[in-house]
């Protein structure tokens, strides 16, 4: 996983039955989150949804929040892998603005599937309980190599030539621009105006 420093401690199952239990708990956390009621993100509802007792939850988890934290991390990593596919498939004769639009649209699609208040609650859990909350954006390193490869093969002269460390730093800024309005539950989040501002800002940072 790209979010290793954020991962909560979950008791490693040593039997198939225990592994099924952990999987069911995590799937239940995902189901609760998908239902969109931020008030349901708690241990009681997780126990009810999973069919296990509170005691069973705390046998495998240090705290109930860990199930929701791990769930959002897994969602985020799936999204990043989708972005890698978009970047890797990007044509060499198209300008960087087209790539940025695809990346932003893919990110907006994921955020728009979420209840923004629920996402904010879990984001706060990550910041509160992680020993290194700043590692949340270190997972963007997954996009660095594909973007450098796209930069090298592209023939439109619209990509800015960036080294890995510089690119990662700029990506953290870019994705904060995408994510922050959703976390703030700002009406602009996911709107055409937000999209236009995100494309313009990212193009200034990553393009010529």
N, C-alpha and C. Protein backbone atom coordinates (compact mmCIF):
# COMPACT_ATOMS: atom_id res chain seq x y z
N UNK A 1 0.82 -1.20 0.00
CA UNK A 1 0.00 0.00 0.00
C UNK A 1 0.87 1.26 0.00
N UNK A 2 0.36 2.30 -0.66
CA UNK A 2 1.08 3.56 -0.73
C UNK A 2 0.89 4.40 0.53
N UNK A 3 -0.03 4.01 1.40
CA UNK A 3 -0.32 4.78 2.61
C UNK A 3 0.18 4.06 3.86
N UNK A 4 1.32 3.41 3.78
CA UNK A 4 1.77 2.55 4.87
C UNK A 4 1.83 3.26 6.22
N UNK A 5 2.28 4.50 6.22
CA UNK A 5 2.44 5.22 7.49
C UNK A 5 1.12 5.65 8.10
N UNK A 6 0.04 5.49 7.34
CA UNK A 6 -1.28 5.87 7.85
C UNK A 6 -2.10 4.66 8.29
N UNK A 7 -1.66 3.48 7.91
CA UNK A 7 -2.49 2.30 8.14
C UNK A 7 -2.68 2.03 9.63
N UNK A 8 -3.92 1.86 10.06
CA UNK A 8 -4.17 1.50 11.46
C UNK A 8 -3.78 0.05 11.71
N UNK A 9 -3.56 -0.26 12.98
CA UNK A 9 -3.20 -1.63 13.34
C UNK A 9 -4.45 -2.49 13.42
N UNK A 10 -4.46 -3.55 12.64
CA UNK A 10 -5.55 -4.50 12.68
C UNK A 10 -4.95 -5.87 12.98
N UNK A 11 -5.54 -6.59 13.90
CA UNK A 11 -5.01 -7.90 14.27
C UNK A 11 -4.97 -8.80 13.06
N UNK A 12 -3.79 -9.32 12.76
CA UNK A 12 -3.63 -10.16 11.57
C UNK A 12 -4.33 -11.49 11.76
N UNK A 13 -5.29 -11.82 10.90
CA UNK A 13 -6.00 -13.09 11.03
C UNK A 13 -5.05 -14.26 10.77
N UNK A 14 -5.13 -15.28 11.62
CA UNK A 14 -4.29 -16.46 11.42
C UNK A 14 -5.11 -17.68 11.03
N UNK A 15 -6.40 -17.48 10.82
CA UNK A 15 -7.27 -18.55 10.36
C UNK A 15 -8.22 -18.00 9.30
N UNK A 16 -8.64 -18.85 8.35
CA UNK A 16 -9.55 -18.38 7.30
C UNK A 16 -10.81 -17.73 7.85
N UNK A 17 -11.36 -18.29 8.93
CA UNK A 17 -12.58 -17.74 9.50
C UNK A 17 -12.35 -16.32 10.02
N UNK A 18 -11.19 -16.11 10.66
CA UNK A 18 -10.87 -14.79 11.19
C UNK A 18 -10.67 -13.80 10.05
N UNK A 19 -10.08 -14.26 8.96
CA UNK A 19 -9.87 -13.38 7.81
C UNK A 19 -11.20 -12.94 7.22
N UNK A 20 -12.16 -13.86 7.18
CA UNK A 20 -13.50 -13.53 6.70
C UNK A 20 -14.14 -12.48 7.61
N UNK A 21 -13.95 -12.63 8.91
CA UNK A 21 -14.50 -11.67 9.87
C UNK A 21 -13.97 -10.27 9.61
N UNK A 22 -12.66 -10.14 9.46
CA UNK A 22 -12.04 -8.83 9.21
C UNK A 22 -12.56 -8.25 7.90
N UNK A 23 -12.64 -9.08 6.86
CA UNK A 23 -13.14 -8.60 5.56
C UNK A 23 -14.58 -8.09 5.69
N UNK A 24 -15.39 -8.82 6.45
CA UNK A 24 -16.79 -8.42 6.64
C UNK A 24 -16.90 -7.08 7.38
N UNK A 25 -16.05 -6.89 8.37
CA UNK A 25 -16.05 -5.64 9.14
C UNK A 25 -15.70 -4.47 8.22
N UNK A 26 -14.66 -4.65 7.40
CA UNK A 26 -14.23 -3.57 6.51
C UNK A 26 -15.27 -3.30 5.42
N UNK A 27 -15.89 -4.35 4.91
CA UNK A 27 -16.94 -4.16 3.91
C UNK A 27 -18.15 -3.44 4.51
N UNK A 28 -18.42 -3.71 5.76
CA UNK A 28 -19.52 -3.04 6.45
C UNK A 28 -19.22 -1.56 6.65
N UNK A 29 -17.97 -1.24 6.96
CA UNK A 29 -17.57 0.16 7.08
C UNK A 29 -17.77 0.88 5.75
N UNK A 30 -17.42 0.22 4.66
CA UNK A 30 -17.60 0.80 3.33
C UNK A 30 -19.08 1.01 3.03
N UNK A 31 -19.90 0.04 3.41
CA UNK A 31 -21.34 0.14 3.17
C UNK A 31 -21.96 1.30 3.95
N UNK A 32 -21.56 1.45 5.20
CA UNK A 32 -22.06 2.56 6.02
C UNK A 32 -21.67 3.89 5.41
N UNK A 33 -20.42 4.00 4.97
CA UNK A 33 -19.95 5.23 4.35
C UNK A 33 -20.73 5.52 3.06
N UNK A 34 -20.99 4.49 2.28
CA UNK A 34 -21.69 4.66 1.00
C UNK A 34 -23.15 5.07 1.20
N UNK A 35 -23.72 4.74 2.33
CA UNK A 35 -25.11 5.11 2.59
C UNK A 35 -25.27 6.62 2.81
N UNK A 36 -24.18 7.29 3.14
CA UNK A 36 -24.18 8.74 3.15
C UNK A 36 -24.69 9.44 4.40
N UNK A 37 -24.88 8.71 5.49
CA UNK A 37 -25.32 9.34 6.73
C UNK A 37 -24.13 9.44 7.68
N UNK A 38 -23.59 10.63 7.84
CA UNK A 38 -22.38 10.79 8.65
C UNK A 38 -22.61 10.40 10.12
N UNK A 39 -23.87 10.47 10.58
CA UNK A 39 -24.16 10.12 11.96
C UNK A 39 -24.04 8.61 12.20
N UNK A 40 -23.99 7.83 11.13
CA UNK A 40 -23.90 6.37 11.26
C UNK A 40 -22.47 5.87 11.39
N UNK A 41 -21.51 6.77 11.26
CA UNK A 41 -20.11 6.36 11.30
C UNK A 41 -19.67 6.24 12.76
N UNK A 42 -19.98 5.10 13.34
CA UNK A 42 -19.62 4.84 14.74
C UNK A 42 -19.60 3.33 14.98
N UNK A 43 -19.09 2.95 16.14
CA UNK A 43 -18.90 1.53 16.47
C UNK A 43 -20.22 0.79 16.54
N UNK A 44 -21.26 1.41 17.10
CA UNK A 44 -22.54 0.73 17.25
C UNK A 44 -23.12 0.32 15.89
N UNK A 45 -23.11 1.25 14.96
CA UNK A 45 -23.65 0.93 13.64
C UNK A 45 -22.76 -0.04 12.88
N UNK A 46 -21.46 0.04 13.12
CA UNK A 46 -20.55 -0.91 12.47
C UNK A 46 -20.83 -2.32 12.98
N UNK A 47 -21.09 -2.46 14.26
CA UNK A 47 -21.42 -3.77 14.82
C UNK A 47 -22.73 -4.28 14.25
N UNK A 48 -23.73 -3.41 14.17
CA UNK A 48 -25.04 -3.81 13.64
C UNK A 48 -24.93 -4.22 12.18
N UNK A 49 -24.23 -3.42 11.38
CA UNK A 49 -24.11 -3.69 9.95
C UNK A 49 -23.33 -4.97 9.68
N UNK A 50 -22.28 -5.20 10.45
CA UNK A 50 -21.42 -6.37 10.22
C UNK A 50 -21.99 -7.64 10.82
N UNK A 51 -22.86 -7.47 11.84
CA UNK A 51 -23.41 -8.65 12.51
C UNK A 51 -22.53 -9.18 13.61
N UNK A 52 -21.50 -8.43 13.99
CA UNK A 52 -20.60 -8.85 15.05
C UNK A 52 -20.81 -7.97 16.28
N UNK A 53 -20.41 -8.47 17.42
CA UNK A 53 -20.55 -7.70 18.65
C UNK A 53 -19.49 -6.61 18.72
N UNK A 54 -19.74 -5.64 19.60
CA UNK A 54 -18.74 -4.60 19.84
C UNK A 54 -17.43 -5.22 20.30
N UNK A 55 -17.55 -6.26 21.12
CA UNK A 55 -16.35 -6.95 21.61
C UNK A 55 -15.53 -7.54 20.49
N UNK A 56 -16.20 -8.09 19.47
CA UNK A 56 -15.49 -8.68 18.33
C UNK A 56 -14.77 -7.59 17.55
N UNK A 57 -15.43 -6.44 17.39
CA UNK A 57 -14.79 -5.33 16.68
C UNK A 57 -13.48 -4.95 17.36
N UNK A 58 -13.53 -4.82 18.68
CA UNK A 58 -12.35 -4.37 19.39
C UNK A 58 -11.33 -5.49 19.60
N UNK A 59 -11.71 -6.71 19.29
CA UNK A 59 -10.73 -7.80 19.29
C UNK A 59 -9.79 -7.63 18.10
N UNK A 60 -10.35 -7.21 16.97
CA UNK A 60 -9.55 -7.07 15.75
C UNK A 60 -9.04 -5.65 15.53
N UNK A 61 -9.71 -4.66 16.09
CA UNK A 61 -9.35 -3.27 15.88
C UNK A 61 -8.97 -2.61 17.19
N UNK A 62 -8.03 -1.67 17.15
CA UNK A 62 -7.72 -0.91 18.36
C UNK A 62 -8.87 0.04 18.69
N UNK A 63 -9.53 0.53 17.64
CA UNK A 63 -10.69 1.42 17.79
C UNK A 63 -11.56 1.28 16.55
N UNK A 64 -12.84 1.54 16.70
CA UNK A 64 -13.77 1.34 15.59
C UNK A 64 -13.44 2.25 14.42
N UNK A 65 -12.88 3.43 14.71
CA UNK A 65 -12.53 4.37 13.64
C UNK A 65 -11.56 3.77 12.63
N UNK A 66 -10.76 2.79 13.09
CA UNK A 66 -9.77 2.20 12.20
C UNK A 66 -10.40 1.55 10.97
N UNK A 67 -11.57 0.97 11.14
CA UNK A 67 -12.24 0.34 9.99
C UNK A 67 -12.59 1.38 8.94
N UNK A 68 -13.04 2.55 9.36
CA UNK A 68 -13.41 3.61 8.42
C UNK A 68 -12.17 4.26 7.79
N UNK A 69 -11.11 4.38 8.59
CA UNK A 69 -9.86 4.94 8.06
C UNK A 69 -9.30 4.04 6.98
N UNK A 70 -9.24 2.74 7.25
CA UNK A 70 -8.70 1.80 6.28
C UNK A 70 -9.57 1.77 5.03
N UNK A 71 -10.88 1.87 5.21
CA UNK A 71 -11.80 1.89 4.07
C UNK A 71 -11.51 3.07 3.15
N UNK A 72 -11.34 4.26 3.70
CA UNK A 72 -11.12 5.45 2.86
C UNK A 72 -9.75 5.39 2.20
N UNK A 73 -8.77 4.80 2.87
CA UNK A 73 -7.44 4.65 2.28
C UNK A 73 -7.50 3.70 1.09
N UNK A 74 -8.24 2.61 1.23
CA UNK A 74 -8.37 1.67 0.11
C UNK A 74 -9.08 2.31 -1.07
N UNK A 75 -10.11 3.10 -0.80
CA UNK A 75 -10.80 3.81 -1.87
C UNK A 75 -9.83 4.75 -2.59
N UNK A 76 -9.03 5.45 -1.80
CA UNK A 76 -8.10 6.42 -2.37
C UNK A 76 -7.05 5.75 -3.24
N UNK A 77 -6.57 4.59 -2.80
CA UNK A 77 -5.56 3.90 -3.59
C UNK A 77 -6.15 3.37 -4.89
N UNK A 78 -7.39 2.91 -4.86
CA UNK A 78 -8.04 2.49 -6.11
C UNK A 78 -8.13 3.66 -7.07
N UNK A 79 -8.47 4.85 -6.53
CA UNK A 79 -8.57 6.04 -7.37
C UNK A 79 -7.22 6.40 -7.98
N UNK A 80 -6.15 6.30 -7.20
CA UNK A 80 -4.82 6.63 -7.71
C UNK A 80 -4.40 5.66 -8.81
N UNK A 81 -4.74 4.40 -8.64
CA UNK A 81 -4.41 3.42 -9.69
C UNK A 81 -5.19 3.70 -10.97
N UNK A 82 -6.41 4.19 -10.84
CA UNK A 82 -7.17 4.61 -12.02
C UNK A 82 -6.48 5.78 -12.71
N UNK A 83 -5.95 6.70 -11.91
CA UNK A 83 -5.23 7.84 -12.49
C UNK A 83 -3.96 7.39 -13.20
N UNK A 84 -3.28 6.40 -12.66
CA UNK A 84 -2.10 5.85 -13.32
C UNK A 84 -2.47 5.31 -14.70
N UNK A 85 -3.61 4.62 -14.79
CA UNK A 85 -4.06 4.09 -16.07
C UNK A 85 -4.36 5.22 -17.06
N UNK A 86 -4.98 6.29 -16.57
CA UNK A 86 -5.29 7.44 -17.43
C UNK A 86 -4.00 8.07 -17.95
N UNK A 87 -3.03 8.28 -17.06
CA UNK A 87 -1.76 8.91 -17.44
C UNK A 87 -1.00 8.02 -18.43
N UNK A 88 -0.95 6.72 -18.14
CA UNK A 88 -0.19 5.80 -18.98
C UNK A 88 -0.77 5.68 -20.39
N UNK A 89 -2.08 5.86 -20.50
CA UNK A 89 -2.74 5.72 -21.80
C UNK A 89 -2.83 7.05 -22.55
N UNK A 90 -2.32 8.13 -21.97
CA UNK A 90 -2.49 9.44 -22.59
C UNK A 90 -1.67 9.55 -23.87
N UNK A 91 -2.29 10.00 -24.96
CA UNK A 91 -1.59 10.08 -26.26
C UNK A 91 -0.42 11.08 -26.24
N UNK A 92 0.60 10.78 -27.01
CA UNK A 92 1.78 11.63 -27.03
C UNK A 92 1.56 12.93 -27.79
N UNK A 93 0.46 13.00 -28.58
CA UNK A 93 0.24 14.19 -29.40
C UNK A 93 -0.87 15.10 -28.84
N UNK A 94 -1.23 14.89 -27.58
CA UNK A 94 -2.26 15.72 -26.94
C UNK A 94 -1.61 16.60 -25.88
N UNK A 95 -2.10 17.85 -25.70
CA UNK A 95 -1.49 18.76 -24.72
C UNK A 95 -1.81 18.37 -23.29
N UNK A 96 -1.01 18.89 -22.37
CA UNK A 96 -1.16 18.53 -20.96
C UNK A 96 -2.53 18.92 -20.41
N UNK A 97 -3.13 19.97 -20.94
CA UNK A 97 -4.45 20.38 -20.45
C UNK A 97 -5.49 19.29 -20.59
N UNK A 98 -5.39 18.52 -21.67
CA UNK A 98 -6.33 17.41 -21.87
C UNK A 98 -6.14 16.33 -20.81
N UNK A 99 -4.88 16.07 -20.48
CA UNK A 99 -4.60 15.07 -19.44
C UNK A 99 -5.10 15.54 -18.08
N UNK A 100 -4.84 16.80 -17.75
CA UNK A 100 -5.27 17.33 -16.46
C UNK A 100 -6.80 17.29 -16.34
N UNK A 101 -7.49 17.58 -17.42
CA UNK A 101 -8.96 17.53 -17.41
C UNK A 101 -9.44 16.12 -17.11
N UNK A 102 -8.81 15.11 -17.70
CA UNK A 102 -9.18 13.72 -17.44
C UNK A 102 -8.91 13.34 -16.00
N UNK A 103 -7.78 13.75 -15.46
CA UNK A 103 -7.43 13.43 -14.08
C UNK A 103 -8.41 14.10 -13.11
N UNK A 104 -8.75 15.33 -13.38
CA UNK A 104 -9.67 16.06 -12.50
C UNK A 104 -11.07 15.46 -12.58
N UNK A 105 -11.52 15.13 -13.78
CA UNK A 105 -12.85 14.53 -13.93
C UNK A 105 -12.93 13.19 -13.20
N UNK A 106 -11.87 12.40 -13.27
CA UNK A 106 -11.84 11.12 -12.56
C UNK A 106 -11.89 11.34 -11.05
N UNK A 107 -11.15 12.33 -10.56
CA UNK A 107 -11.14 12.64 -9.13
C UNK A 107 -12.49 13.18 -8.67
N UNK A 108 -13.08 14.07 -9.45
CA UNK A 108 -14.40 14.61 -9.11
C UNK A 108 -15.44 13.49 -9.05
N UNK A 109 -15.36 12.56 -9.96
CA UNK A 109 -16.32 11.46 -9.99
C UNK A 109 -16.26 10.67 -8.69
N UNK A 110 -15.05 10.43 -8.19
CA UNK A 110 -14.88 9.69 -6.94
C UNK A 110 -15.42 10.50 -5.76
N UNK A 111 -15.07 11.77 -5.68
CA UNK A 111 -15.53 12.60 -4.57
C UNK A 111 -17.05 12.81 -4.61
N UNK A 112 -17.61 12.89 -5.79
CA UNK A 112 -19.05 13.10 -5.90
C UNK A 112 -19.86 11.86 -5.49
N UNK A 113 -19.19 10.71 -5.41
CA UNK A 113 -19.86 9.50 -4.92
C UNK A 113 -19.94 9.49 -3.41
N UNK A 114 -19.20 10.38 -2.77
CA UNK A 114 -19.12 10.41 -1.31
C UNK A 114 -20.09 11.43 -0.73
N UNK A 115 -20.53 11.16 0.49
CA UNK A 115 -21.16 12.18 1.30
C UNK A 115 -20.02 13.04 1.86
N UNK A 116 -20.02 14.32 1.53
CA UNK A 116 -18.86 15.14 1.86
C UNK A 116 -18.66 15.31 3.36
N UNK A 117 -19.74 15.34 4.11
CA UNK A 117 -19.59 15.47 5.56
C UNK A 117 -19.00 14.19 6.16
N UNK A 118 -19.41 13.05 5.61
CA UNK A 118 -18.84 11.77 6.07
C UNK A 118 -17.35 11.71 5.75
N UNK A 119 -16.98 12.16 4.55
CA UNK A 119 -15.58 12.18 4.16
C UNK A 119 -14.78 13.09 5.09
N UNK A 120 -15.34 14.25 5.43
CA UNK A 120 -14.67 15.17 6.34
C UNK A 120 -14.45 14.52 7.70
N UNK A 121 -15.45 13.79 8.19
CA UNK A 121 -15.32 13.13 9.49
C UNK A 121 -14.17 12.13 9.50
N UNK A 122 -14.08 11.33 8.42
CA UNK A 122 -13.03 10.31 8.37
C UNK A 122 -11.67 10.96 8.14
N UNK A 123 -11.63 12.03 7.37
CA UNK A 123 -10.37 12.75 7.17
C UNK A 123 -9.87 13.28 8.52
N UNK A 124 -10.78 13.78 9.35
CA UNK A 124 -10.40 14.23 10.69
C UNK A 124 -9.88 13.07 11.53
N UNK A 125 -10.48 11.89 11.37
CA UNK A 125 -10.00 10.72 12.10
C UNK A 125 -8.55 10.42 11.71
N UNK A 126 -8.25 10.51 10.41
CA UNK A 126 -6.89 10.24 9.93
C UNK A 126 -5.91 11.22 10.56
N UNK A 127 -6.27 12.49 10.55
CA UNK A 127 -5.38 13.51 11.12
C UNK A 127 -5.23 13.35 12.63
N UNK A 128 -6.30 12.91 13.28
CA UNK A 128 -6.26 12.78 14.74
C UNK A 128 -5.47 11.57 15.21
N UNK A 129 -5.67 10.43 14.54
CA UNK A 129 -5.13 9.18 15.06
C UNK A 129 -3.82 8.74 14.41
N UNK A 130 -3.47 9.31 13.26
CA UNK A 130 -2.24 8.89 12.60
C UNK A 130 -1.03 9.50 13.28
N UNK A 131 0.05 8.72 13.37
CA UNK A 131 1.29 9.24 13.92
C UNK A 131 1.96 10.21 12.96
N UNK A 132 1.63 10.09 11.69
CA UNK A 132 2.22 10.96 10.68
C UNK A 132 1.14 11.36 9.66
N UNK A 133 0.20 12.25 10.03
CA UNK A 133 -0.90 12.60 9.14
C UNK A 133 -0.45 13.24 7.84
N UNK A 134 0.74 13.85 7.82
CA UNK A 134 1.22 14.46 6.59
C UNK A 134 1.51 13.42 5.51
N UNK A 135 1.59 12.15 5.92
CA UNK A 135 1.83 11.08 4.95
C UNK A 135 0.63 10.84 4.06
N UNK A 136 -0.50 11.50 4.36
CA UNK A 136 -1.72 11.29 3.58
C UNK A 136 -1.46 11.56 2.10
N UNK A 137 -0.66 12.56 1.78
CA UNK A 137 -0.41 12.89 0.38
C UNK A 137 0.87 12.28 -0.17
N UNK A 138 1.60 11.54 0.64
CA UNK A 138 2.80 10.87 0.13
C UNK A 138 2.44 9.79 -0.89
N UNK A 139 1.20 9.30 -0.83
CA UNK A 139 0.77 8.27 -1.77
C UNK A 139 0.72 8.80 -3.20
N UNK A 140 0.75 10.12 -3.36
CA UNK A 140 0.79 10.70 -4.70
C UNK A 140 2.07 10.34 -5.44
N UNK A 141 3.04 9.82 -4.72
CA UNK A 141 4.28 9.38 -5.38
C UNK A 141 3.99 8.31 -6.43
N UNK A 142 2.86 7.63 -6.29
CA UNK A 142 2.45 6.62 -7.28
C UNK A 142 2.28 7.23 -8.67
N UNK A 143 1.95 8.52 -8.72
CA UNK A 143 1.69 9.18 -10.00
C UNK A 143 2.94 9.78 -10.62
N UNK A 144 4.02 9.87 -9.86
CA UNK A 144 5.20 10.59 -10.32
C UNK A 144 5.83 9.94 -11.55
N UNK A 145 6.15 8.66 -11.46
CA UNK A 145 6.82 8.00 -12.59
C UNK A 145 5.97 8.00 -13.86
N UNK A 146 4.66 7.66 -13.77
CA UNK A 146 3.83 7.73 -14.97
C UNK A 146 3.79 9.13 -15.59
N UNK A 147 3.76 10.18 -14.75
CA UNK A 147 3.73 11.54 -15.28
C UNK A 147 5.06 11.92 -15.93
N UNK A 148 6.15 11.50 -15.36
CA UNK A 148 7.46 11.78 -15.97
C UNK A 148 7.57 11.06 -17.31
N UNK A 149 7.07 9.83 -17.37
CA UNK A 149 7.09 9.09 -18.63
C UNK A 149 6.22 9.78 -19.68
N UNK A 150 5.05 10.28 -19.25
CA UNK A 150 4.17 11.00 -20.17
C UNK A 150 4.84 12.28 -20.65
N UNK A 151 5.53 12.95 -19.75
CA UNK A 151 6.26 14.18 -20.08
C UNK A 151 7.33 13.90 -21.13
N UNK A 152 8.04 12.78 -20.99
CA UNK A 152 9.16 12.47 -21.89
C UNK A 152 8.69 12.06 -23.28
N UNK A 153 7.57 11.35 -23.36
CA UNK A 153 7.12 10.89 -24.67
C UNK A 153 6.24 11.90 -25.40
N UNK A 154 5.74 12.90 -24.67
CA UNK A 154 4.82 13.85 -25.28
C UNK A 154 5.55 14.79 -26.23
N UNK A 155 4.94 15.08 -27.37
CA UNK A 155 5.60 15.91 -28.38
C UNK A 155 4.91 17.26 -28.61
N UNK A 156 4.07 17.67 -27.63
CA UNK A 156 3.34 18.93 -27.81
C UNK A 156 4.05 20.13 -27.17
N UNK A 157 5.13 19.87 -26.45
CA UNK A 157 5.88 20.93 -25.77
C UNK A 157 4.99 21.72 -24.80
N UNK A 158 4.06 21.01 -24.15
CA UNK A 158 3.18 21.66 -23.16
C UNK A 158 3.46 21.18 -21.75
N UNK A 159 4.26 20.13 -21.60
CA UNK A 159 4.60 19.61 -20.28
C UNK A 159 5.83 20.34 -19.74
N UNK A 160 5.78 20.72 -18.49
CA UNK A 160 6.95 21.29 -17.84
C UNK A 160 7.89 20.16 -17.45
N UNK A 161 9.19 20.32 -17.71
CA UNK A 161 10.17 19.30 -17.35
C UNK A 161 10.47 19.37 -15.86
N UNK A 162 10.08 18.33 -15.15
CA UNK A 162 10.21 18.33 -13.69
C UNK A 162 10.92 17.08 -13.21
N UNK A 163 11.73 17.25 -12.16
CA UNK A 163 12.33 16.10 -11.49
C UNK A 163 11.32 15.50 -10.51
N UNK A 164 11.59 14.29 -10.07
CA UNK A 164 10.64 13.54 -9.24
C UNK A 164 10.23 14.29 -7.97
N UNK A 165 11.21 14.81 -7.23
CA UNK A 165 10.90 15.49 -5.96
C UNK A 165 10.07 16.74 -6.19
N UNK A 166 10.42 17.50 -7.21
CA UNK A 166 9.67 18.71 -7.52
C UNK A 166 8.24 18.38 -7.94
N UNK A 167 8.11 17.34 -8.75
CA UNK A 167 6.79 16.94 -9.24
C UNK A 167 5.90 16.49 -8.09
N UNK A 168 6.44 15.72 -7.16
CA UNK A 168 5.64 15.26 -6.03
C UNK A 168 5.16 16.44 -5.19
N UNK A 169 6.01 17.42 -4.96
CA UNK A 169 5.62 18.59 -4.19
C UNK A 169 4.48 19.34 -4.88
N UNK A 170 4.58 19.50 -6.19
CA UNK A 170 3.54 20.21 -6.94
C UNK A 170 2.24 19.41 -6.99
N UNK A 171 2.35 18.09 -7.06
CA UNK A 171 1.14 17.25 -7.06
C UNK A 171 0.37 17.39 -5.75
N UNK A 172 1.09 17.54 -4.65
CA UNK A 172 0.42 17.71 -3.36
C UNK A 172 -0.41 19.00 -3.37
N UNK A 173 0.12 20.04 -3.98
CA UNK A 173 -0.62 21.29 -4.11
C UNK A 173 -1.82 21.11 -5.02
N UNK A 174 -1.61 20.44 -6.14
CA UNK A 174 -2.68 20.23 -7.11
C UNK A 174 -3.85 19.47 -6.51
N UNK A 175 -3.55 18.40 -5.78
CA UNK A 175 -4.64 17.58 -5.26
C UNK A 175 -5.30 18.20 -4.05
N UNK A 176 -4.61 19.11 -3.38
CA UNK A 176 -5.28 19.88 -2.31
C UNK A 176 -6.34 20.79 -2.93
N UNK A 177 -6.05 21.33 -4.10
CA UNK A 177 -7.01 22.18 -4.81
C UNK A 177 -8.24 21.38 -5.21
N UNK A 178 -8.04 20.14 -5.59
CA UNK A 178 -9.17 19.28 -5.95
C UNK A 178 -9.97 18.89 -4.71
N UNK A 179 -9.28 18.50 -3.66
CA UNK A 179 -9.92 17.89 -2.49
C UNK A 179 -10.55 18.89 -1.54
N UNK A 180 -9.90 20.03 -1.33
CA UNK A 180 -10.29 20.92 -0.23
C UNK A 180 -11.75 21.38 -0.30
N UNK A 181 -12.28 21.82 -1.46
CA UNK A 181 -13.69 22.24 -1.48
C UNK A 181 -14.65 21.13 -1.05
N UNK A 182 -14.32 19.88 -1.35
CA UNK A 182 -15.17 18.77 -0.92
C UNK A 182 -15.12 18.63 0.60
N UNK A 183 -13.91 18.73 1.17
CA UNK A 183 -13.76 18.63 2.62
C UNK A 183 -14.47 19.78 3.32
N UNK A 184 -14.41 20.96 2.71
CA UNK A 184 -15.05 22.14 3.30
C UNK A 184 -16.56 22.14 3.08
N UNK A 185 -17.05 21.19 2.28
CA UNK A 185 -18.48 21.12 1.92
C UNK A 185 -18.91 22.44 1.28
N UNK A 186 -18.00 22.96 0.48
CA UNK A 186 -18.22 24.22 -0.23
C UNK A 186 -19.12 23.96 -1.44
N UNK A 187 -20.12 24.79 -1.69
CA UNK A 187 -21.01 24.58 -2.85
C UNK A 187 -20.28 24.52 -4.18
N UNK A 188 -19.08 25.09 -4.24
CA UNK A 188 -18.33 25.08 -5.49
C UNK A 188 -17.77 23.70 -5.83
N UNK A 189 -17.69 22.82 -4.83
CA UNK A 189 -17.05 21.51 -5.00
C UNK A 189 -17.67 20.72 -6.14
N UNK A 190 -16.84 20.33 -7.09
CA UNK A 190 -17.29 19.50 -8.19
C UNK A 190 -18.02 20.25 -9.29
N UNK A 191 -18.12 21.56 -9.16
CA UNK A 191 -18.86 22.38 -10.13
C UNK A 191 -17.98 22.70 -11.34
N UNK A 192 -18.58 23.20 -12.44
CA UNK A 192 -17.77 23.64 -13.59
C UNK A 192 -16.74 24.69 -13.22
N UNK A 193 -17.10 25.59 -12.30
CA UNK A 193 -16.15 26.61 -11.87
C UNK A 193 -14.96 25.99 -11.13
N UNK A 194 -15.25 25.04 -10.25
CA UNK A 194 -14.17 24.34 -9.54
C UNK A 194 -13.28 23.62 -10.55
N UNK A 195 -13.89 22.96 -11.52
CA UNK A 195 -13.13 22.24 -12.55
C UNK A 195 -12.23 23.20 -13.32
N UNK A 196 -12.78 24.33 -13.72
CA UNK A 196 -12.01 25.32 -14.49
C UNK A 196 -10.82 25.84 -13.67
N UNK A 197 -11.07 26.16 -12.40
CA UNK A 197 -10.00 26.67 -11.54
C UNK A 197 -8.92 25.61 -11.31
N UNK A 198 -9.35 24.35 -11.13
CA UNK A 198 -8.39 23.27 -10.89
C UNK A 198 -7.52 23.04 -12.13
N UNK A 199 -8.14 23.01 -13.30
CA UNK A 199 -7.37 22.82 -14.54
C UNK A 199 -6.38 23.96 -14.74
N UNK A 200 -6.84 25.18 -14.54
CA UNK A 200 -5.98 26.35 -14.73
C UNK A 200 -4.79 26.33 -13.77
N UNK A 201 -5.06 26.04 -12.50
CA UNK A 201 -3.99 26.02 -11.50
C UNK A 201 -2.98 24.90 -11.78
N UNK A 202 -3.49 23.71 -12.09
CA UNK A 202 -2.61 22.58 -12.35
C UNK A 202 -1.79 22.80 -13.62
N UNK A 203 -2.40 23.43 -14.62
CA UNK A 203 -1.68 23.71 -15.86
C UNK A 203 -0.55 24.70 -15.61
N UNK A 204 -0.78 25.68 -14.72
CA UNK A 204 0.27 26.64 -14.40
C UNK A 204 1.44 25.97 -13.66
N UNK A 205 1.12 24.97 -12.84
CA UNK A 205 2.15 24.30 -12.05
C UNK A 205 2.89 23.20 -12.82
N UNK A 206 2.15 22.46 -13.64
CA UNK A 206 2.72 21.29 -14.29
C UNK A 206 3.01 21.48 -15.78
N UNK A 207 2.44 22.54 -16.34
CA UNK A 207 2.63 22.79 -17.78
C UNK A 207 3.49 23.99 -18.04
N UNK A 208 3.73 24.25 -19.31
CA UNK A 208 4.54 25.41 -19.73
C UNK A 208 3.65 26.60 -19.99
